[in-house]
Amino acid sequence: MTSETDEAVIRCAQVTRTYAMGGAPVPAVRGVDLAIARGEFVAITGPSGCGKSTLLHLLGAIEPPDSGCVWVAGRDTSAMGDREATAFRLRHVGFVFQRFYLLPTLSAAENVELPMAEAGVPRAARRARARELLGYVGLGARADHRPPQLSGGEQQRVAIARALANAPGVLLADEPTGELDADTGARLLELFAQLNRDGTTLVFVTHDAAVARAAARVVRLQDGRVASDTRAAASR
């Protein structure tokens, strides 16, 4: 098996991940095989505790598998050490967390600049890029506001802009609408759809079937395994 067949930007083979809880091993992901093509919009669903977030962390090189292999953008991330994985994520993978993790003492623009600063982007270029991205997510007028001055939906959009700062080919999101009201969540899904139309490969975790319908493909997990893998009629 190779890393770049069928234009897959993400591919995992027999991936497992087990945690120790109370001294006992608890399998979270059990032998998952999955390939995601460049430009796909995929939702990972399933009941609580089925391994959704763990799988997303494995796909994003946030943590390594116990066994099996994960390839992202042609690289075997499962063989990377912590420092190499961090540098790889900085360039190739954007991650949107449910709880935003914005620094409250920095403005929206300064939060978006952080990944670019870590990547060594010159100050003028990262300032221009941050303003561009905040305009893209509809927050150009809020660039100088700090997170406590923003609504939950606005903070989530800042987090998305930050995840896009270094132009990653893959954007991963963990329950991105989980803490938002229905109207704000719907607007956020429209933004995700636009990102996907603009060429970003998008994978998000959700327990909400209505949210999952926004994706062109739905992968459902059960007890750490892929229980089903379906595509919307328009994408078949």
C-alpha atoms as a PDB file:
ATOM      1  CA  MET A   1       0.000   0.000   0.000  1.00  0.00           C
ATOM      2  CA  THR A   2       1.400   3.440  -0.918  1.00  0.00           C
ATOM      3  CA  SER A   3       0.709   6.886   0.407  1.00  0.00           C
ATOM      4  CA  GLU A   4      -0.505   8.597  -2.752  1.00  0.00           C
ATOM      5  CA  THR A   5      -2.827   6.223  -4.586  1.00  0.00           C
ATOM      6  CA  ASP A   6      -6.123   7.496  -5.946  1.00  0.00           C
ATOM      7  CA  GLU A   7      -5.239  11.106  -5.027  1.00  0.00           C
ATOM      8  CA  ALA A   8      -5.892  10.407  -1.346  1.00  0.00           C
ATOM      9  CA  VAL A   9      -4.683  13.311   0.772  1.00  0.00           C
ATOM     10  CA  ILE A  10      -5.399  11.291   3.942  1.00  0.00           C
ATOM     11  CA  ARG A  11      -5.069   7.539   4.212  1.00  0.00           C
ATOM     12  CA  CYS A  12      -4.904   5.279   7.225  1.00  0.00           C
ATOM     13  CA  ALA A  13      -4.352   1.535   7.318  1.00  0.00           C
ATOM     14  CA  GLN A  14      -5.344  -0.700  10.242  1.00  0.00           C
ATOM     15  CA  VAL A  15      -4.951   2.164  12.688  1.00  0.00           C
ATOM     16  CA  THR A  16      -5.436   1.458  16.396  1.00  0.00           C
ATOM     17  CA  ARG A  17      -5.308   3.610  19.516  1.00  0.00           C
ATOM     18  CA  THR A  18      -5.802   2.413  23.090  1.00  0.00           C
ATOM     19  CA  TYR A  19      -5.784   4.407  26.319  1.00  0.00           C
ATOM     20  CA  ALA A  20      -5.163   3.262  29.876  1.00  0.00           C
ATOM     21  CA  MET A  21      -7.977   4.238  32.213  1.00  0.00           C
ATOM     22  CA  GLY A  22      -7.844   3.151  35.823  1.00  0.00           C
ATOM     23  CA  GLY A  23      -5.080   0.727  34.929  1.00  0.00           C
ATOM     24  CA  ALA A  24      -7.206  -1.037  32.308  1.00  0.00           C
ATOM     25  CA  PRO A  25      -6.716  -0.701  28.531  1.00  0.00           C
ATOM     26  CA  VAL A  26      -9.634   0.999  26.736  1.00  0.00           C
ATOM     27  CA  PRO A  27      -9.559   0.647  22.925  1.00  0.00           C
ATOM     28  CA  ALA A  28     -10.678   3.889  21.233  1.00  0.00           C
ATOM     29  CA  VAL A  29      -9.868   3.108  17.587  1.00  0.00           C
ATOM     30  CA  ARG A  30      -9.733  -0.496  16.397  1.00  0.00           C
ATOM     31  CA  GLY A  31      -8.202  -1.291  13.025  1.00  0.00           C
ATOM     32  CA  VAL A  32      -9.611   1.589  10.972  1.00  0.00           C
ATOM     33  CA  ASP A  33      -8.947   1.745   7.227  1.00  0.00           C
ATOM     34  CA  LEU A  34      -9.910   5.050   5.601  1.00  0.00           C
ATOM     35  CA  ALA A  35      -8.966   7.074   2.531  1.00  0.00           C
ATOM     36  CA  ILE A  36     -10.038  10.677   1.948  1.00  0.00           C
ATOM     37  CA  ALA A  37      -9.478  12.209  -1.465  1.00  0.00           C
ATOM     38  CA  ARG A  38      -8.184  15.708  -2.025  1.00  0.00           C
ATOM     39  CA  GLY A  39     -11.100  18.144  -1.977  1.00  0.00           C
ATOM     40  CA  GLU A  40     -13.579  15.889  -0.154  1.00  0.00           C
ATOM     41  CA  PHE A  41     -15.993  17.105   2.534  1.00  0.00           C
ATOM     42  CA  VAL A  42     -16.344  14.295   5.103  1.00  0.00           C
ATOM     43  CA  ALA A  43     -18.289  14.049   8.365  1.00  0.00           C
ATOM     44  CA  ILE A  44     -17.282  11.474  10.984  1.00  0.00           C
ATOM     45  CA  THR A  45     -20.269  10.533  13.136  1.00  0.00           C
ATOM     46  CA  GLY A  46     -21.302   8.030  15.773  1.00  0.00           C
ATOM     47  CA  PRO A  47     -22.360   7.820  19.424  1.00  0.00           C
ATOM     48  CA  SER A  48     -20.367   9.337  22.274  1.00  0.00           C
ATOM     49  CA  GLY A  49     -17.262   7.308  23.076  1.00  0.00           C
ATOM     50  CA  CYS A  50     -17.083   5.597  19.685  1.00  0.00           C
ATOM     51  CA  GLY A  51     -13.630   7.031  18.850  1.00  0.00           C
ATOM     52  CA  LYS A  52     -14.556  10.014  16.647  1.00  0.00           C
ATOM     53  CA  SER A  53     -12.293  12.602  18.239  1.00  0.00           C
ATOM     54  CA  THR A  54      -9.463  10.106  18.675  1.00  0.00           C
ATOM     55  CA  LEU A  55      -9.599   9.264  14.972  1.00  0.00           C
ATOM     56  CA  LEU A  56      -9.562  12.958  14.076  1.00  0.00           C
ATOM     57  CA  HIS A  57      -6.474  13.458  16.258  1.00  0.00           C
ATOM     58  CA  LEU A  58      -4.789  10.556  14.487  1.00  0.00           C
ATOM     59  CA  LEU A  59      -5.663  11.965  11.056  1.00  0.00           C
ATOM     60  CA  GLY A  60      -4.263  15.333  12.101  1.00  0.00           C
ATOM     61  CA  ALA A  61      -0.969  13.978  13.508  1.00  0.00           C
ATOM     62  CA  ILE A  62      -1.898  15.339  16.940  1.00  0.00           C
ATOM     63  CA  GLU A  63      -1.195  11.924  18.416  1.00  0.00           C
ATOM     64  CA  PRO A  64       0.337   8.781  16.888  1.00  0.00           C
ATOM     65  CA  PRO A  65      -1.410   5.438  16.444  1.00  0.00           C
ATOM     66  CA  ASP A  66      -0.392   2.455  18.559  1.00  0.00           C
ATOM     67  CA  SER A  67      -0.276   0.387  15.381  1.00  0.00           C
ATOM     68  CA  GLY A  68      -1.026   0.873  11.706  1.00  0.00           C
ATOM     69  CA  CYS A  69      -0.033   3.836   9.532  1.00  0.00           C
ATOM     70  CA  VAL A  70      -1.438   7.279   8.753  1.00  0.00           C
ATOM     71  CA  TRP A  71      -0.439   9.216   5.640  1.00  0.00           C
ATOM     72  CA  VAL A  72      -1.284  12.892   5.180  1.00  0.00           C
ATOM     73  CA  ALA A  73      -0.239  14.842   2.081  1.00  0.00           C
ATOM     74  CA  GLY A  74       2.074  12.005   1.087  1.00  0.00           C
ATOM     75  CA  ARG A  75       3.859  11.773   4.445  1.00  0.00           C
ATOM     76  CA  ASP A  76       3.758   8.926   6.955  1.00  0.00           C
ATOM     77  CA  THR A  77       2.841  10.943  10.044  1.00  0.00           C
ATOM     78  CA  SER A  78       2.738   7.860  12.264  1.00  0.00           C
ATOM     79  CA  ALA A  79       6.526   7.649  12.025  1.00  0.00           C
ATOM     80  CA  MET A  80       7.103  11.275  13.068  1.00  0.00           C
ATOM     81  CA  GLY A  81       8.454  12.435  16.396  1.00  0.00           C
ATOM     82  CA  ASP A  82       6.724  15.243  18.302  1.00  0.00           C
ATOM     83  CA  ARG A  83       8.811  18.065  16.867  1.00  0.00           C
ATOM     84  CA  GLU A  84       8.501  16.843  13.289  1.00  0.00           C
ATOM     85  CA  ALA A  85       4.736  16.313  13.678  1.00  0.00           C
ATOM     86  CA  THR A  86       4.310  19.831  15.068  1.00  0.00           C
ATOM     87  CA  ALA A  87       6.179  21.344  12.117  1.00  0.00           C
ATOM     88  CA  PHE A  88       4.165  19.210   9.695  1.00  0.00           C
ATOM     89  CA  ARG A  89       0.817  20.283  11.175  1.00  0.00           C
ATOM     90  CA  LEU A  90       1.867  23.905  11.030  1.00  0.00           C
ATOM     91  CA  ARG A  91       2.245  23.669   7.251  1.00  0.00           C
ATOM     92  CA  HIS A  92      -0.296  21.090   6.127  1.00  0.00           C
ATOM     93  CA  VAL A  93      -3.169  20.668   8.611  1.00  0.00           C
ATOM     94  CA  GLY A  94      -5.535  23.199  10.171  1.00  0.00           C
ATOM     95  CA  PHE A  95      -7.427  22.128  13.297  1.00  0.00           C
ATOM     96  CA  VAL A  96     -10.580  23.776  14.653  1.00  0.00           C
ATOM     97  CA  PHE A  97     -11.342  22.805  18.242  1.00  0.00           C
ATOM     98  CA  GLN A  98     -14.800  22.902  19.766  1.00  0.00           C
ATOM     99  CA  ARG A  99     -13.733  25.296  22.525  1.00  0.00           C
ATOM    100  CA  PHE A 100     -11.897  27.737  20.219  1.00  0.00           C
ATOM    101  CA  TYR A 101      -8.717  28.140  22.396  1.00  0.00           C
ATOM    102  CA  LEU A 102      -8.241  31.785  21.466  1.00  0.00           C
ATOM    103  CA  LEU A 103      -5.902  33.879  23.629  1.00  0.00           C
ATOM    104  CA  PRO A 104      -8.164  36.375  25.413  1.00  0.00           C
ATOM    105  CA  THR A 105      -5.522  39.109  25.697  1.00  0.00           C
ATOM    106  CA  LEU A 106      -4.894  39.226  21.941  1.00  0.00           C
ATOM    107  CA  SER A 107      -7.093  40.734  19.252  1.00  0.00           C
ATOM    108  CA  ALA A 108      -8.795  38.560  16.649  1.00  0.00           C
ATOM    109  CA  ALA A 109      -6.112  39.528  14.124  1.00  0.00           C
ATOM    110  CA  GLU A 110      -3.301  38.753  16.558  1.00  0.00           C
ATOM    111  CA  ASN A 111      -4.795  35.327  17.283  1.00  0.00           C
ATOM    112  CA  VAL A 112      -4.876  34.576  13.556  1.00  0.00           C
ATOM    113  CA  GLU A 113      -1.267  35.729  13.207  1.00  0.00           C
ATOM    114  CA  LEU A 114       0.073  33.260  15.787  1.00  0.00           C
ATOM    115  CA  PRO A 115       0.553  30.204  13.494  1.00  0.00           C
ATOM    116  CA  MET A 116       2.225  32.399  10.904  1.00  0.00           C
ATOM    117  CA  ALA A 117       4.596  33.808  13.504  1.00  0.00           C
ATOM    118  CA  GLU A 118       5.504  30.246  14.490  1.00  0.00           C
ATOM    119  CA  ALA A 119       6.147  29.470  10.817  1.00  0.00           C
ATOM    120  CA  GLY A 120       8.475  32.464  10.461  1.00  0.00           C
ATOM    121  CA  VAL A 121       6.238  34.583   8.236  1.00  0.00           C
ATOM    122  CA  PRO A 122       7.382  38.229   8.263  1.00  0.00           C
ATOM    123  CA  ARG A 123       5.270  40.594  10.340  1.00  0.00           C
ATOM    124  CA  ALA A 124       3.878  42.674   7.453  1.00  0.00           C
ATOM    125  CA  ALA A 125       2.886  39.574   5.487  1.00  0.00           C
ATOM    126  CA  ARG A 126       1.175  37.899   8.424  1.00  0.00           C
ATOM    127  CA  ARG A 127      -0.727  41.062   9.319  1.00  0.00           C
ATOM    128  CA  ALA A 128      -2.027  41.342   5.769  1.00  0.00           C
ATOM    129  CA  ARG A 129      -2.907  37.630   5.676  1.00  0.00           C
ATOM    130  CA  ALA A 130      -4.761  37.839   9.027  1.00  0.00           C
ATOM    131  CA  ARG A 131      -6.880  40.745   7.799  1.00  0.00           C
ATOM    132  CA  GLU A 132      -7.575  38.917   4.548  1.00  0.00           C
ATOM    133  CA  LEU A 133      -8.705  35.777   6.381  1.00  0.00           C
ATOM    134  CA  LEU A 134     -10.892  37.660   8.846  1.00  0.00           C
ATOM    135  CA  GLY A 135     -12.555  39.348   5.883  1.00  0.00           C
ATOM    136  CA  TYR A 136     -13.069  35.935   4.292  1.00  0.00           C
ATOM    137  CA  VAL A 137     -14.927  34.654   7.364  1.00  0.00           C
ATOM    138  CA  GLY A 138     -16.959  37.852   7.614  1.00  0.00           C
ATOM    139  CA  LEU A 139     -15.108  39.480  10.515  1.00  0.00           C
ATOM    140  CA  GLY A 140     -13.094  42.177   8.813  1.00  0.00           C
ATOM    141  CA  ALA A 141     -14.713  44.839  10.984  1.00  0.00           C
ATOM    142  CA  ARG A 142     -13.948  42.888  14.176  1.00  0.00           C
ATOM    143  CA  ALA A 143     -10.222  42.318  13.606  1.00  0.00           C
ATOM    144  CA  ASP A 144      -9.166  44.509  16.528  1.00  0.00           C
ATOM    145  CA  HIS A 145     -11.659  43.050  19.026  1.00  0.00           C
ATOM    146  CA  ARG A 146     -10.499  40.604  21.682  1.00  0.00           C
ATOM    147  CA  PRO A 147     -12.293  37.240  22.125  1.00  0.00           C
ATOM    148  CA  PRO A 148     -14.313  38.362  25.199  1.00  0.00           C
ATOM    149  CA  GLN A 149     -15.813  41.089  22.989  1.00  0.00           C
ATOM    150  CA  LEU A 150     -16.974  38.541  20.385  1.00  0.00           C
ATOM    151  CA  SER A 151     -19.959  36.193  20.297  1.00  0.00           C
ATOM    152  CA  GLY A 152     -19.470  32.427  20.315  1.00  0.00           C
ATOM    153  CA  GLY A 153     -20.040  32.242  16.570  1.00  0.00           C
ATOM    154  CA  GLU A 154     -17.576  35.055  15.945  1.00  0.00           C
ATOM    155  CA  GLN A 155     -14.956  33.353  18.110  1.00  0.00           C
ATOM    156  CA  GLN A 156     -15.423  30.134  16.153  1.00  0.00           C
ATOM    157  CA  ARG A 157     -14.911  32.019  12.892  1.00  0.00           C
ATOM    158  CA  VAL A 158     -11.713  33.539  14.278  1.00  0.00           C
ATOM    159  CA  ALA A 159     -10.599  30.003  15.147  1.00  0.00           C
ATOM    160  CA  ILE A 160     -11.311  28.929  11.556  1.00  0.00           C
ATOM    161  CA  ALA A 161      -9.347  31.884  10.192  1.00  0.00           C
ATOM    162  CA  ARG A 162      -6.456  30.946  12.492  1.00  0.00           C
ATOM    163  CA  ALA A 163      -6.593  27.328  11.264  1.00  0.00           C
ATOM    164  CA  LEU A 164      -6.330  28.610   7.680  1.00  0.00           C
ATOM    165  CA  ALA A 165      -3.452  30.982   8.409  1.00  0.00           C
ATOM    166  CA  ASN A 166      -0.712  28.898   6.753  1.00  0.00           C
ATOM    167  CA  ALA A 167      -2.962  27.774   3.879  1.00  0.00           C
ATOM    168  CA  PRO A 168      -3.238  24.085   4.861  1.00  0.00           C
ATOM    169  CA  GLY A 169      -4.670  21.672   2.339  1.00  0.00           C
ATOM    170  CA  VAL A 170      -6.620  19.859   5.070  1.00  0.00           C
ATOM    171  CA  LEU A 171      -8.943  21.379   7.662  1.00  0.00           C
ATOM    172  CA  LEU A 172     -10.095  19.196  10.574  1.00  0.00           C
ATOM    173  CA  ALA A 173     -12.841  20.295  12.964  1.00  0.00           C
ATOM    174  CA  ASP A 174     -14.012  18.644  16.192  1.00  0.00           C
ATOM    175  CA  GLU A 175     -17.721  19.285  16.920  1.00  0.00           C
ATOM    176  CA  PRO A 176     -17.428  22.759  15.348  1.00  0.00           C
ATOM    177  CA  THR A 177     -21.083  23.662  15.979  1.00  0.00           C
ATOM    178  CA  GLY A 178     -21.394  21.920  19.353  1.00  0.00           C
ATOM    179  CA  GLU A 179     -21.467  25.113  21.444  1.00  0.00           C
ATOM    180  CA  LEU A 180     -23.364  27.314  18.975  1.00  0.00           C
ATOM    181  CA  ASP A 181     -27.050  28.075  18.609  1.00  0.00           C
ATOM    182  CA  ALA A 182     -28.883  26.666  15.573  1.00  0.00           C
ATOM    183  CA  ASP A 183     -28.768  29.848  13.449  1.00  0.00           C
ATOM    184  CA  THR A 184     -25.072  30.477  14.122  1.00  0.00           C
ATOM    185  CA  GLY A 185     -24.299  26.811  13.470  1.00  0.00           C
ATOM    186  CA  ALA A 186     -26.104  26.963  10.126  1.00  0.00           C
ATOM    187  CA  ARG A 187     -24.053  30.003   9.081  1.00  0.00           C
ATOM    188  CA  LEU A 188     -20.883  28.208  10.113  1.00  0.00           C
ATOM    189  CA  LEU A 189     -21.818  25.205   7.958  1.00  0.00           C
ATOM    190  CA  GLU A 190     -22.276  27.569   5.015  1.00  0.00           C
ATOM    191  CA  LEU A 191     -18.746  28.836   5.627  1.00  0.00           C
ATOM    192  CA  PHE A 192     -17.403  25.267   5.696  1.00  0.00           C
ATOM    193  CA  ALA A 193     -19.164  24.547   2.410  1.00  0.00           C
ATOM    194  CA  GLN A 194     -17.532  27.643   0.893  1.00  0.00           C
ATOM    195  CA  LEU A 195     -14.104  26.564   2.142  1.00  0.00           C
ATOM    196  CA  ASN A 196     -14.641  23.194   0.510  1.00  0.00           C
ATOM    197  CA  ARG A 197     -15.732  24.771  -2.772  1.00  0.00           C
ATOM    198  CA  ASP A 198     -12.545  26.847  -2.641  1.00  0.00           C
ATOM    199  CA  GLY A 199     -10.497  23.627  -2.573  1.00  0.00           C
ATOM    200  CA  THR A 200      -9.926  22.770   1.093  1.00  0.00           C
ATOM    201  CA  THR A 201     -10.251  19.119   2.098  1.00  0.00           C
ATOM    202  CA  LEU A 202     -12.611  19.226   5.061  1.00  0.00           C
ATOM    203  CA  VAL A 203     -13.145  16.560   7.732  1.00  0.00           C
ATOM    204  CA  PHE A 204     -15.265  17.229  10.785  1.00  0.00           C
ATOM    205  CA  VAL A 205     -16.535  15.221  13.721  1.00  0.00           C
ATOM    206  CA  THR A 206     -20.147  15.593  14.797  1.00  0.00           C
ATOM    207  CA  HIS A 207     -22.764  13.664  16.740  1.00  0.00           C
ATOM    208  CA  ASP A 208     -25.556  15.686  15.086  1.00  0.00           C
ATOM    209  CA  ALA A 209     -27.133  13.973  12.058  1.00  0.00           C
ATOM    210  CA  ALA A 210     -28.482  17.290  10.766  1.00  0.00           C
ATOM    211  CA  VAL A 211     -24.974  18.766  10.765  1.00  0.00           C
ATOM    212  CA  ALA A 212     -23.545  15.655   9.097  1.00  0.00           C
ATOM    213  CA  ARG A 213     -25.929  16.129   6.163  1.00  0.00           C
ATOM    214  CA  ALA A 214     -23.925  19.196   5.139  1.00  0.00           C
ATOM    215  CA  ALA A 215     -21.058  16.872   4.124  1.00  0.00           C
ATOM    216  CA  ALA A 216     -20.821  14.975   0.861  1.00  0.00           C
ATOM    217  CA  ARG A 217     -19.654  11.831   2.666  1.00  0.00           C
ATOM    218  CA  VAL A 218     -20.495  10.445   6.100  1.00  0.00           C
ATOM    219  CA  VAL A 219     -18.266   7.919   7.891  1.00  0.00           C
ATOM    220  CA  ARG A 220     -20.005   6.420  10.907  1.00  0.00           C
ATOM    221  CA  LEU A 221     -18.002   4.849  13.725  1.00  0.00           C
ATOM    222  CA  GLN A 222     -19.214   2.275  16.203  1.00  0.00           C
ATOM    223  CA  ASP A 223     -17.013   0.923  18.990  1.00  0.00           C
ATOM    224  CA  GLY A 224     -13.892   2.300  17.333  1.00  0.00           C
ATOM    225  CA  ARG A 225     -14.584   0.729  13.939  1.00  0.00           C
ATOM    226  CA  VAL A 226     -16.036   2.030  10.676  1.00  0.00           C
ATOM    227  CA  ALA A 227     -19.660   0.872  10.703  1.00  0.00           C
ATOM    228  CA  SER A 228     -20.698   2.583   7.462  1.00  0.00           C
ATOM    229  CA  ASP A 229     -19.289   4.894   4.803  1.00  0.00           C
ATOM    230  CA  THR A 230     -21.862   6.621   2.592  1.00  0.00           C
ATOM    231  CA  ARG A 231     -21.901   9.443   0.073  1.00  0.00           C
ATOM    232  CA  ALA A 232     -24.593  11.978  -0.685  1.00  0.00           C
ATOM    233  CA  ALA A 233     -26.549  11.199  -3.848  1.00  0.00           C
ATOM    234  CA  ALA A 234     -25.105  14.236  -5.653  1.00  0.00           C
ATOM    235  CA  SER A 235     -21.531  13.031  -5.098  1.00  0.00           C
ATOM    236  CA  ARG A 236     -22.021   9.450  -6.259  1.00  0.00           C
END
